Amino acid sequence: METVLTVDVAHPPRKPEQVEQQLEETLSQVRTSSSLRIIKIIHGQSGKTKQTVRNWAYNKRRHLRGIIYGENYSIFDEATQEMRDEVGQFPDSDLEASNDGITIIWVK
């Protein structure tokens, strides 16, 4: 059973409103799913899209269990450990990669 939904909002490039709309739809999809609990957002390493995603996540934080920036996504990070302990140890090539082009959202 899949627990992670990956969404790429960086390709093709979009306006911030379009990125936010896709994130809203994705959040709704995960919140109503019986198995999905994590959104892995690919936003690129710099620019407006990354800023848009992280601002959106901050503004939605009351609906989220956690926000983990890709550069902190490590087995040594407390939030990462807690999330992976609760939802399971799933394979992820970005774990330990210090990838600031992603953000991990743990949905309530």
PDB file of N, CA and C in Angstrom:
ATOM      1  N   MET A   1       0.840  -1.182   0.000  1.00  0.00           N
ATOM      2  CA  MET A   1       0.000   0.000   0.000  1.00  0.00           C
ATOM      3  C   MET A   1       0.889   1.252   0.000  1.00  0.00           C
ATOM      4  N   GLU A   2       0.658   2.116  -0.921  1.00  0.00           N
ATOM      5  CA  GLU A   2       1.474   3.320  -1.095  1.00  0.00           C
ATOM      6  C   GLU A   2       1.113   4.377  -0.044  1.00  0.00           C
ATOM      7  N   THR A   3       2.130   4.967   0.573  1.00  0.00           N
ATOM      8  CA  THR A   3       1.898   6.017   1.570  1.00  0.00           C
ATOM      9  C   THR A   3       2.345   7.388   1.092  1.00  0.00           C
ATOM     10  N   VAL A   4       3.100   7.422  -0.017  1.00  0.00           N
ATOM     11  CA  VAL A   4       3.671   8.676  -0.510  1.00  0.00           C
ATOM     12  C   VAL A   4       3.105   9.010  -1.885  1.00  0.00           C
ATOM     13  N   LEU A   5       2.670  10.251  -2.037  1.00  0.00           N
ATOM     14  CA  LEU A   5       2.244  10.757  -3.333  1.00  0.00           C
ATOM     15  C   LEU A   5       3.249  11.820  -3.752  1.00  0.00           C
ATOM     16  N   THR A   6       3.917  11.608  -4.876  1.00  0.00           N
ATOM     17  CA  THR A   6       4.901  12.565  -5.374  1.00  0.00           C
ATOM     18  C   THR A   6       4.243  13.457  -6.412  1.00  0.00           C
ATOM     19  N   VAL A   7       4.465  14.768  -6.262  1.00  0.00           N
ATOM     20  CA  VAL A   7       3.921  15.733  -7.201  1.00  0.00           C
ATOM     21  C   VAL A   7       5.051  16.669  -7.639  1.00  0.00           C
ATOM     22  N   ASP A   8       5.169  16.856  -8.937  1.00  0.00           N
ATOM     23  CA  ASP A   8       6.205  17.715  -9.510  1.00  0.00           C
ATOM     24  C   ASP A   8       5.555  19.018  -9.961  1.00  0.00           C
ATOM     25  N   VAL A   9       5.793  20.094  -9.208  1.00  0.00           N
ATOM     26  CA  VAL A   9       5.216  21.388  -9.561  1.00  0.00           C
ATOM     27  C   VAL A   9       6.220  22.274 -10.292  1.00  0.00           C
ATOM     28  N   ALA A  10       7.407  21.746 -10.558  1.00  0.00           N
ATOM     29  CA  ALA A  10       8.457  22.527 -11.221  1.00  0.00           C
ATOM     30  C   ALA A  10       8.503  22.323 -12.733  1.00  0.00           C
ATOM     31  N   HIS A  11       7.936  21.211 -13.190  1.00  0.00           N
ATOM     32  CA  HIS A  11       8.025  20.861 -14.615  1.00  0.00           C
ATOM     33  C   HIS A  11       6.640  20.546 -15.169  1.00  0.00           C
ATOM     34  N   PRO A  12       6.136  21.286 -16.103  1.00  0.00           N
ATOM     35  CA  PRO A  12       6.699  22.515 -16.653  1.00  0.00           C
ATOM     36  C   PRO A  12       6.522  23.666 -15.666  1.00  0.00           C
ATOM     37  N   PRO A  13       7.307  24.742 -15.848  1.00  0.00           N
ATOM     38  CA  PRO A  13       7.177  25.906 -14.969  1.00  0.00           C
ATOM     39  C   PRO A  13       5.746  26.457 -14.997  1.00  0.00           C
ATOM     40  N   ARG A  14       5.267  26.896 -13.838  1.00  0.00           N
ATOM     41  CA  ARG A  14       3.910  27.425 -13.708  1.00  0.00           C
ATOM     42  C   ARG A  14       3.903  28.698 -12.888  1.00  0.00           C
ATOM     43  N   LYS A  15       2.791  29.385 -12.966  1.00  0.00           N
ATOM     44  CA  LYS A  15       2.589  30.569 -12.139  1.00  0.00           C
ATOM     45  C   LYS A  15       2.316  30.121 -10.711  1.00  0.00           C
ATOM     46  N   PRO A  16       2.642  30.955  -9.707  1.00  0.00           N
ATOM     47  CA  PRO A  16       2.402  30.591  -8.310  1.00  0.00           C
ATOM     48  C   PRO A  16       0.969  30.152  -8.026  1.00  0.00           C
ATOM     49  N   GLU A  17      -0.012  30.798  -8.634  1.00  0.00           N
ATOM     50  CA  GLU A  17      -1.414  30.431  -8.405  1.00  0.00           C
ATOM     51  C   GLU A  17      -1.697  29.011  -8.878  1.00  0.00           C
ATOM     52  N   GLN A  18      -1.076  28.621  -9.985  1.00  0.00           N
ATOM     53  CA  GLN A  18      -1.268  27.274 -10.517  1.00  0.00           C
ATOM     54  C   GLN A  18      -0.607  26.234  -9.608  1.00  0.00           C
ATOM     55  N   VAL A  19       0.563  26.595  -9.080  1.00  0.00           N
ATOM     56  CA  VAL A  19       1.258  25.704  -8.150  1.00  0.00           C
ATOM     57  C   VAL A  19       0.406  25.497  -6.901  1.00  0.00           C
ATOM     58  N   GLU A  20      -0.106  26.582  -6.343  1.00  0.00           N
ATOM     59  CA  GLU A  20      -0.942  26.489  -5.146  1.00  0.00           C
ATOM     60  C   GLU A  20      -2.208  25.679  -5.402  1.00  0.00           C
ATOM     61  N   GLN A  21      -2.808  25.850  -6.563  1.00  0.00           N
ATOM     62  CA  GLN A  21      -4.005  25.090  -6.918  1.00  0.00           C
ATOM     63  C   GLN A  21      -3.697  23.593  -6.956  1.00  0.00           C
ATOM     64  N   GLN A  22      -2.575  23.224  -7.569  1.00  0.00           N
ATOM     65  CA  GLN A  22      -2.200  21.814  -7.631  1.00  0.00           C
ATOM     66  C   GLN A  22      -1.921  21.266  -6.231  1.00  0.00           C
ATOM     67  N   LEU A  23      -1.283  22.060  -5.390  1.00  0.00           N
ATOM     68  CA  LEU A  23      -1.001  21.622  -4.023  1.00  0.00           C
ATOM     69  C   LEU A  23      -2.289  21.435  -3.220  1.00  0.00           C
ATOM     70  N   GLU A  24      -3.241  22.323  -3.403  1.00  0.00           N
ATOM     71  CA  GLU A  24      -4.540  22.193  -2.725  1.00  0.00           C
ATOM     72  C   GLU A  24      -5.229  20.898  -3.142  1.00  0.00           C
ATOM     73  N   GLU A  25      -5.225  20.615  -4.427  1.00  0.00           N
ATOM     74  CA  GLU A  25      -5.846  19.393  -4.941  1.00  0.00           C
ATOM     75  C   GLU A  25      -5.137  18.148  -4.403  1.00  0.00           C
ATOM     76  N   THR A  26      -3.817  18.205  -4.357  1.00  0.00           N
ATOM     77  CA  THR A  26      -3.033  17.078  -3.854  1.00  0.00           C
ATOM     78  C   THR A  26      -3.290  16.862  -2.365  1.00  0.00           C
ATOM     79  N   LEU A  27      -3.327  17.948  -1.590  1.00  0.00           N
ATOM     80  CA  LEU A  27      -3.614  17.839  -0.165  1.00  0.00           C
ATOM     81  C   LEU A  27      -4.983  17.211   0.058  1.00  0.00           C
ATOM     82  N   SER A  28      -5.960  17.635  -0.697  1.00  0.00           N
ATOM     83  CA  SER A  28      -7.304  17.078  -0.582  1.00  0.00           C
ATOM     84  C   SER A  28      -7.305  15.584  -0.906  1.00  0.00           C
ATOM     85  N   GLN A  29      -6.585  15.210  -1.938  1.00  0.00           N
ATOM     86  CA  GLN A  29      -6.501  13.804  -2.343  1.00  0.00           C
ATOM     87  C   GLN A  29      -5.889  12.955  -1.231  1.00  0.00           C
ATOM     88  N   VAL A  30      -4.831  13.448  -0.614  1.00  0.00           N
ATOM     89  CA  VAL A  30      -4.165  12.690   0.442  1.00  0.00           C
ATOM     90  C   VAL A  30      -5.025  12.638   1.703  1.00  0.00           C
ATOM     91  N   ARG A  31      -5.658  13.743   2.040  1.00  0.00           N
ATOM     92  CA  ARG A  31      -6.487  13.782   3.253  1.00  0.00           C
ATOM     93  C   ARG A  31      -7.673  12.820   3.166  1.00  0.00           C
ATOM     94  N   THR A  32      -8.171  12.556   1.965  1.00  0.00           N
ATOM     95  CA  THR A  32      -9.321  11.660   1.808  1.00  0.00           C
ATOM     96  C   THR A  32      -8.912  10.222   1.488  1.00  0.00           C
ATOM     97  N   SER A  33      -7.622   9.978   1.376  1.00  0.00           N
ATOM     98  CA  SER A  33      -7.126   8.639   1.058  1.00  0.00           C
ATOM     99  C   SER A  33      -7.023   7.795   2.325  1.00  0.00           C
ATOM    100  N   SER A  34      -7.247   6.501   2.170  1.00  0.00           N
ATOM    101  CA  SER A  34      -7.091   5.597   3.308  1.00  0.00           C
ATOM    102  C   SER A  34      -5.648   5.156   3.495  1.00  0.00           C
ATOM    103  N   SER A  35      -4.795   5.377   2.496  1.00  0.00           N
ATOM    104  CA  SER A  35      -3.411   4.904   2.601  1.00  0.00           C
ATOM    105  C   SER A  35      -2.361   6.014   2.484  1.00  0.00           C
ATOM    106  N   LEU A  36      -2.630   7.039   1.701  1.00  0.00           N
ATOM    107  CA  LEU A  36      -1.641   8.103   1.510  1.00  0.00           C
ATOM    108  C   LEU A  36      -1.527   8.965   2.760  1.00  0.00           C
ATOM    109  N   ARG A  37      -0.298   9.303   3.159  1.00  0.00           N
ATOM    110  CA  ARG A  37      -0.061  10.156   4.315  1.00  0.00           C
ATOM    111  C   ARG A  37       1.007  11.213   4.065  1.00  0.00           C
ATOM    112  N   ILE A  38       1.749  11.067   2.965  1.00  0.00           N
ATOM    113  CA  ILE A  38       2.882  11.952   2.702  1.00  0.00           C
ATOM    114  C   ILE A  38       2.795  12.499   1.282  1.00  0.00           C
ATOM    115  N   ILE A  39       3.095  13.788   1.159  1.00  0.00           N
ATOM    116  CA  ILE A  39       3.224  14.411  -0.157  1.00  0.00           C
ATOM    117  C   ILE A  39       4.693  14.781  -0.320  1.00  0.00           C
ATOM    118  N   LYS A  40       5.285  14.277  -1.366  1.00  0.00           N
ATOM    119  CA  LYS A  40       6.660  14.642  -1.707  1.00  0.00           C
ATOM    120  C   LYS A  40       6.562  15.617  -2.874  1.00  0.00           C
ATOM    121  N   ILE A  41       6.937  16.860  -2.618  1.00  0.00           N
ATOM    122  CA  ILE A  41       6.792  17.906  -3.628  1.00  0.00           C
ATOM    123  C   ILE A  41       8.151  18.209  -4.251  1.00  0.00           C
ATOM    124  N   ILE A  42       8.209  18.085  -5.563  1.00  0.00           N
ATOM    125  CA  ILE A  42       9.409  18.450  -6.316  1.00  0.00           C
ATOM    126  C   ILE A  42       9.183  19.873  -6.817  1.00  0.00           C
ATOM    127  N   HIS A  43      10.016  20.801  -6.361  1.00  0.00           N
ATOM    128  CA  HIS A  43       9.823  22.204  -6.724  1.00  0.00           C
ATOM    129  C   HIS A  43      11.056  22.873  -7.307  1.00  0.00           C
ATOM    130  N   GLY A  44      12.164  22.179  -7.362  1.00  0.00           N
ATOM    131  CA  GLY A  44      13.389  22.782  -7.856  1.00  0.00           C
ATOM    132  C   GLY A  44      14.161  23.439  -6.713  1.00  0.00           C
ATOM    133  N   GLN A  45      15.419  23.725  -6.985  1.00  0.00           N
ATOM    134  CA  GLN A  45      16.313  24.164  -5.924  1.00  0.00           C
ATOM    135  C   GLN A  45      16.297  25.657  -5.638  1.00  0.00           C
ATOM    136  N   SER A  46      15.702  26.419  -6.484  1.00  0.00           N
ATOM    137  CA  SER A  46      15.669  27.865  -6.216  1.00  0.00           C
ATOM    138  C   SER A  46      14.482  28.471  -6.956  1.00  0.00           C
ATOM    139  N   GLY A  47      14.264  29.741  -6.736  1.00  0.00           N
ATOM    140  CA  GLY A  47      13.252  30.441  -7.494  1.00  0.00           C
ATOM    141  C   GLY A  47      11.909  30.530  -6.801  1.00  0.00           C
ATOM    142  N   LYS A  48      10.965  31.076  -7.560  1.00  0.00           N
ATOM    143  CA  LYS A  48       9.627  31.346  -7.031  1.00  0.00           C
ATOM    144  C   LYS A  48       8.852  30.093  -6.687  1.00  0.00           C
ATOM    145  N   THR A  49       9.039  29.033  -7.435  1.00  0.00           N
ATOM    146  CA  THR A  49       8.266  27.817  -7.184  1.00  0.00           C
ATOM    147  C   THR A  49       8.613  27.238  -5.815  1.00  0.00           C
ATOM    148  N   LYS A  50       9.891  27.178  -5.483  1.00  0.00           N
ATOM    149  CA  LYS A  50      10.308  26.686  -4.165  1.00  0.00           C
ATOM    150  C   LYS A  50       9.717  27.570  -3.067  1.00  0.00           C
ATOM    151  N   GLN A  51       9.817  28.858  -3.242  1.00  0.00           N
ATOM    152  CA  GLN A  51       9.282  29.806  -2.264  1.00  0.00           C
ATOM    153  C   GLN A  51       7.762  29.655  -2.134  1.00  0.00           C
ATOM    154  N   THR A  52       7.086  29.506  -3.261  1.00  0.00           N
ATOM    155  CA  THR A  52       5.628  29.319  -3.260  1.00  0.00           C
ATOM    156  C   THR A  52       5.242  28.062  -2.476  1.00  0.00           C
ATOM    157  N   VAL A  53       5.925  26.950  -2.739  1.00  0.00           N
ATOM    158  CA  VAL A  53       5.627  25.686  -2.063  1.00  0.00           C
ATOM    159  C   VAL A  53       5.839  25.810  -0.561  1.00  0.00           C
ATOM    160  N   ARG A  54       6.959  26.361  -0.163  1.00  0.00           N
ATOM    161  CA  ARG A  54       7.265  26.425   1.270  1.00  0.00           C
ATOM    162  C   ARG A  54       6.373  27.427   1.997  1.00  0.00           C
ATOM    163  N   ASN A  55       6.009  28.504   1.342  1.00  0.00           N
ATOM    164  CA  ASN A  55       5.058  29.447   1.947  1.00  0.00           C
ATOM    165  C   ASN A  55       3.681  28.797   2.075  1.00  0.00           C
ATOM    166  N   TRP A  56       3.261  28.073   1.037  1.00  0.00           N
ATOM    167  CA  TRP A  56       1.974  27.373   1.071  1.00  0.00           C
ATOM    168  C   TRP A  56       1.957  26.380   2.231  1.00  0.00           C
ATOM    169  N   ALA A  57       3.028  25.596   2.357  1.00  0.00           N
ATOM    170  CA  ALA A  57       3.104  24.597   3.434  1.00  0.00           C
ATOM    171  C   ALA A  57       3.043  25.273   4.801  1.00  0.00           C
ATOM    172  N   TYR A  58       3.743  26.364   4.961  1.00  0.00           N
ATOM    173  CA  TYR A  58       3.715  27.089   6.232  1.00  0.00           C
ATOM    174  C   TYR A  58       2.300  27.568   6.545  1.00  0.00           C
ATOM    175  N   ASN A  59       1.621  28.103   5.548  1.00  0.00           N
ATOM    176  CA  ASN A  59       0.257  28.596   5.750  1.00  0.00           C
ATOM    177  C   ASN A  59      -0.740  27.475   6.030  1.00  0.00           C
ATOM    178  N   LYS A  60      -0.430  26.254   5.609  1.00  0.00           N
ATOM    179  CA  LYS A  60      -1.308  25.092   5.826  1.00  0.00           C
ATOM    180  C   LYS A  60      -0.873  24.263   7.032  1.00  0.00           C
ATOM    181  N   ARG A  61       0.098  24.718   7.795  1.00  0.00           N
ATOM    182  CA  ARG A  61       0.707  23.906   8.843  1.00  0.00           C
ATOM    183  C   ARG A  61      -0.283  23.350   9.860  1.00  0.00           C
ATOM    184  N   ARG A  62      -1.409  24.016  10.085  1.00  0.00           N
ATOM    185  CA  ARG A  62      -2.380  23.485  11.056  1.00  0.00           C
ATOM    186  C   ARG A  62      -3.065  22.220  10.543  1.00  0.00           C
ATOM    187  N   HIS A  63      -2.983  21.953   9.242  1.00  0.00           N
ATOM    188  CA  HIS A  63      -3.557  20.747   8.646  1.00  0.00           C
ATOM    189  C   HIS A  63      -2.503  19.646   8.464  1.00  0.00           C
ATOM    190  N   LEU A  64      -1.276  19.936   8.879  1.00  0.00           N
ATOM    191  CA  LEU A  64      -0.157  19.040   8.605  1.00  0.00           C
ATOM    192  C   LEU A  64       0.463  18.530   9.896  1.00  0.00           C
ATOM    193  N   ARG A  65       1.010  17.346   9.850  1.00  0.00           N
ATOM    194  CA  ARG A  65       1.757  16.811  11.000  1.00  0.00           C
ATOM    195  C   ARG A  65       3.185  17.297  10.959  1.00  0.00           C
ATOM    196  N   GLY A  66       3.686  17.544   9.742  1.00  0.00           N
ATOM    197  CA  GLY A  66       5.063  17.991   9.639  1.00  0.00           C
ATOM    198  C   GLY A  66       5.415  18.483   8.257  1.00  0.00           C
ATOM    199  N   ILE A  67       6.432  19.342   8.224  1.00  0.00           N
ATOM    200  CA  ILE A  67       7.005  19.854   6.983  1.00  0.00           C
ATOM    201  C   ILE A  67       8.501  19.593   7.090  1.00  0.00           C
ATOM    202  N   ILE A  68       9.033  18.839   6.156  1.00  0.00           N
ATOM    203  CA  ILE A  68      10.454  18.514   6.180  1.00  0.00           C
ATOM    204  C   ILE A  68      11.080  19.008   4.881  1.00  0.00           C
ATOM    205  N   TYR A  69      11.978  19.950   5.002  1.00  0.00           N
ATOM    206  CA  TYR A  69      12.703  20.455   3.834  1.00  0.00           C
ATOM    207  C   TYR A  69      13.678  19.384   3.373  1.00  0.00           C
ATOM    208  N   GLY A  70      13.822  19.262   2.067  1.00  0.00           N
ATOM    209  CA  GLY A  70      14.678  18.226   1.500  1.00  0.00           C
ATOM    210  C   GLY A  70      16.103  18.258   2.005  1.00  0.00           C
ATOM    211  N   GLU A  71      16.622  19.446   2.299  1.00  0.00           N
ATOM    212  CA  GLU A  71      17.991  19.555   2.797  1.00  0.00           C
ATOM    213  C   GLU A  71      18.135  18.991   4.220  1.00  0.00           C
ATOM    214  N   ASN A  72      17.014  18.780   4.917  1.00  0.00           N
ATOM    215  CA  ASN A  72      17.020  18.212   6.272  1.00  0.00           C
ATOM    216  C   ASN A  72      16.513  16.769   6.307  1.00  0.00           C
ATOM    217  N   TYR A  73      16.135  16.230   5.161  1.00  0.00           N
ATOM    218  CA  TYR A  73      15.511  14.904   5.074  1.00  0.00           C
ATOM    219  C   TYR A  73      16.568  13.824   5.282  1.00  0.00           C
ATOM    220  N   SER A  74      16.746  13.450   6.545  1.00  0.00           N
ATOM    221  CA  SER A  74      17.810  12.538   6.937  1.00  0.00           C
ATOM    222  C   SER A  74      17.330  11.661   8.082  1.00  0.00           C
ATOM    223  N   ILE A  75      17.896  10.475   8.192  1.00  0.00           N
ATOM    224  CA  ILE A  75      17.550   9.600   9.309  1.00  0.00           C
ATOM    225  C   ILE A  75      17.992  10.207  10.639  1.00  0.00           C
ATOM    226  N   PHE A  76      18.826  11.220  10.610  1.00  0.00           N
ATOM    227  CA  PHE A  76      19.282  11.885  11.828  1.00  0.00           C
ATOM    228  C   PHE A  76      18.393  13.072  12.207  1.00  0.00           C
ATOM    229  N   ASP A  77      17.446  13.414  11.339  1.00  0.00           N
ATOM    230  CA  ASP A  77      16.512  14.505  11.603  1.00  0.00           C
ATOM    231  C   ASP A  77      15.345  13.957  12.424  1.00  0.00           C
ATOM    232  N   GLU A  78      15.010  14.634  13.527  1.00  0.00           N
ATOM    233  CA  GLU A  78      13.973  14.152  14.432  1.00  0.00           C
ATOM    234  C   GLU A  78      12.612  14.023  13.749  1.00  0.00           C
ATOM    235  N   ALA A  79      12.225  15.025  12.958  1.00  0.00           N
ATOM    236  CA  ALA A  79      10.926  14.983  12.276  1.00  0.00           C
ATOM    237  C   ALA A  79      10.883  13.839  11.260  1.00  0.00           C
ATOM    238  N   THR A  80      11.978  13.626  10.558  1.00  0.00           N
ATOM    239  CA  THR A  80      12.052  12.529   9.591  1.00  0.00           C
ATOM    240  C   THR A  80      11.932  11.186  10.302  1.00  0.00           C
ATOM    241  N   GLN A  81      12.640  11.026  11.403  1.00  0.00           N
ATOM    242  CA  GLN A  81      12.566   9.779  12.177  1.00  0.00           C
ATOM    243  C   GLN A  81      11.146   9.505  12.645  1.00  0.00           C
ATOM    244  N   GLU A  82      10.499  10.526  13.202  1.00  0.00           N
ATOM    245  CA  GLU A  82       9.138  10.356  13.711  1.00  0.00           C
ATOM    246  C   GLU A  82       8.181   9.948  12.590  1.00  0.00           C
ATOM    247  N   MET A  83       8.278  10.653  11.448  1.00  0.00           N
ATOM    248  CA  MET A  83       7.397  10.362  10.327  1.00  0.00           C
ATOM    249  C   MET A  83       7.612   8.935   9.821  1.00  0.00           C
ATOM    250  N   ARG A  84       8.846   8.564   9.598  1.00  0.00           N
ATOM    251  CA  ARG A  84       9.142   7.247   9.038  1.00  0.00           C
ATOM    252  C   ARG A  84       8.850   6.120  10.034  1.00  0.00           C
ATOM    253  N   ASP A  85       8.969   6.393  11.327  1.00  0.00           N
ATOM    254  CA  ASP A  85       8.595   5.398  12.334  1.00  0.00           C
ATOM    255  C   ASP A  85       7.088   5.152  12.310  1.00  0.00           C
ATOM    256  N   GLU A  86       6.326   6.221  12.132  1.00  0.00           N
ATOM    257  CA  GLU A  86       4.873   6.077  12.171  1.00  0.00           C
ATOM    258  C   GLU A  86       4.279   5.526  10.878  1.00  0.00           C
ATOM    259  N   VAL A  87       4.738   6.027   9.726  1.00  0.00           N
ATOM    260  CA  VAL A  87       4.130   5.594   8.460  1.00  0.00           C
ATOM    261  C   VAL A  87       4.837   4.394   7.840  1.00  0.00           C
ATOM    262  N   GLY A  88       6.033   4.091   8.315  1.00  0.00           N
ATOM    263  CA  GLY A  88       6.776   2.957   7.782  1.00  0.00           C
ATOM    264  C   GLY A  88       8.038   3.390   7.062  1.00  0.00           C
ATOM    265  N   GLN A  89       8.939   2.466   6.955  1.00  0.00           N
ATOM    266  CA  GLN A  89      10.235   2.725   6.315  1.00  0.00           C
ATOM    267  C   GLN A  89      10.133   2.420   4.825  1.00  0.00           C
ATOM    268  N   PHE A  90       9.733   3.409   4.055  1.00  0.00           N
ATOM    269  CA  PHE A  90       9.555   3.230   2.618  1.00  0.00           C
ATOM    270  C   PHE A  90      10.843   3.617   1.884  1.00  0.00           C
ATOM    271  N   PRO A  91      11.115   2.982   0.744  1.00  0.00           N
ATOM    272  CA  PRO A  91      12.314   3.338  -0.023  1.00  0.00           C
ATOM    273  C   PRO A  91      12.172   4.744  -0.607  1.00  0.00           C
ATOM    274  N   ASP A  92      13.227   5.549  -0.505  1.00  0.00           N
ATOM    275  CA  ASP A  92      13.199   6.905  -1.043  1.00  0.00           C
ATOM    276  C   ASP A  92      14.614   7.341  -1.383  1.00  0.00           C
ATOM    277  N   SER A  93      14.877   7.557  -2.662  1.00  0.00           N
ATOM    278  CA  SER A  93      16.218   7.946  -3.108  1.00  0.00           C
ATOM    279  C   SER A  93      16.631   9.325  -2.610  1.00  0.00           C
ATOM    280  N   ASP A  94      15.678  10.143  -2.159  1.00  0.00           N
ATOM    281  CA  ASP A  94      16.015  11.466  -1.653  1.00  0.00           C
ATOM    282  C   ASP A  94      16.405  11.467  -0.178  1.00  0.00           C
ATOM    283  N   LEU A  95      16.148  10.392   0.535  1.00  0.00           N
ATOM    284  CA  LEU A  95      16.562  10.297   1.924  1.00  0.00           C
ATOM    285  C   LEU A  95      18.086  10.326   1.976  1.00  0.00           C
ATOM    286  N   GLU A  96      18.632  11.196   2.789  1.00  0.00           N
ATOM    287  CA  GLU A  96      20.087  11.391   2.940  1.00  0.00           C
ATOM    288  C   GLU A  96      20.723  12.095   1.736  1.00  0.00           C
ATOM    289  N   ALA A  97      19.944  12.602   0.803  1.00  0.00           N
ATOM    290  CA  ALA A  97      20.514  13.230  -0.393  1.00  0.00           C
ATOM    291  C   ALA A  97      20.716  14.732  -0.237  1.00  0.00           C
ATOM    292  N   SER A  98      20.218  15.314   0.861  1.00  0.00           N
ATOM    293  CA  SER A  98      20.313  16.760   1.094  1.00  0.00           C
ATOM    294  C   SER A  98      19.825  17.524  -0.142  1.00  0.00           C
ATOM    295  N   ASN A  99      18.642  17.151  -0.608  1.00  0.00           N
ATOM    296  CA  ASN A  99      18.070  17.700  -1.840  1.00  0.00           C
ATOM    297  C   ASN A  99      17.158  18.875  -1.512  1.00  0.00           C
ATOM    298  N   ASP A 100      17.653  20.087  -1.709  1.00  0.00           N
ATOM    299  CA  ASP A 100      16.830  21.263  -1.407  1.00  0.00           C
ATOM    300  C   ASP A 100      15.831  21.583  -2.513  1.00  0.00           C
ATOM    301  N   GLY A 101      15.688  20.671  -3.459  1.00  0.00           N
ATOM    302  CA  GLY A 101      14.703  20.819  -4.522  1.00  0.00           C
ATOM    303  C   GLY A 101      13.377  20.124  -4.223  1.00  0.00           C
ATOM    304  N   ILE A 102      13.267  19.568  -2.991  1.00  0.00           N
ATOM    305  CA  ILE A 102      12.030  18.907  -2.581  1.00  0.00           C
ATOM    306  C   ILE A 102      11.585  19.398  -1.203  1.00  0.00           C
ATOM    307  N   THR A 103      10.318  19.186  -0.919  1.00  0.00           N
ATOM    308  CA  THR A 103       9.763  19.377   0.419  1.00  0.00           C
ATOM    309  C   THR A 103       8.843  18.201   0.684  1.00  0.00           C
ATOM    310  N   ILE A 104       8.953  17.639   1.873  1.00  0.00           N
ATOM    311  CA  ILE A 104       8.132  16.518   2.298  1.00  0.00           C
ATOM    312  C   ILE A 104       7.036  17.055   3.229  1.00  0.00           C
ATOM    313  N   ILE A 105       5.796  16.726   2.920  1.00  0.00           N
ATOM    314  CA  ILE A 105       4.660  17.153   3.731  1.00  0.00           C
ATOM    315  C   ILE A 105       4.027  15.912   4.355  1.00  0.00           C
ATOM    316  N   TRP A 106       3.950  15.900   5.690  1.00  0.00           N
ATOM    317  CA  TRP A 106       3.297  14.813   6.415  1.00  0.00           C
ATOM    318  C   TRP A 106       1.920  15.294   6.802  1.00  0.00           C
ATOM    319  N   VAL A 107       0.908  14.700   6.224  1.00  0.00           N
ATOM    320  CA  VAL A 107      -0.481  15.149   6.366  1.00  0.00           C
ATOM    321  C   VAL A 107      -1.122  14.510   7.589  1.00  0.00           C
ATOM    322  N   LYS A 108      -1.927  15.283   8.316  1.00  0.00           N
ATOM    323  CA  LYS A 108      -2.660  14.763   9.495  1.00  0.00           C
ATOM    324  C   LYS A 108      -3.648  13.709   9.079  1.00  0.00           C
TER     325      LYS A 108
END
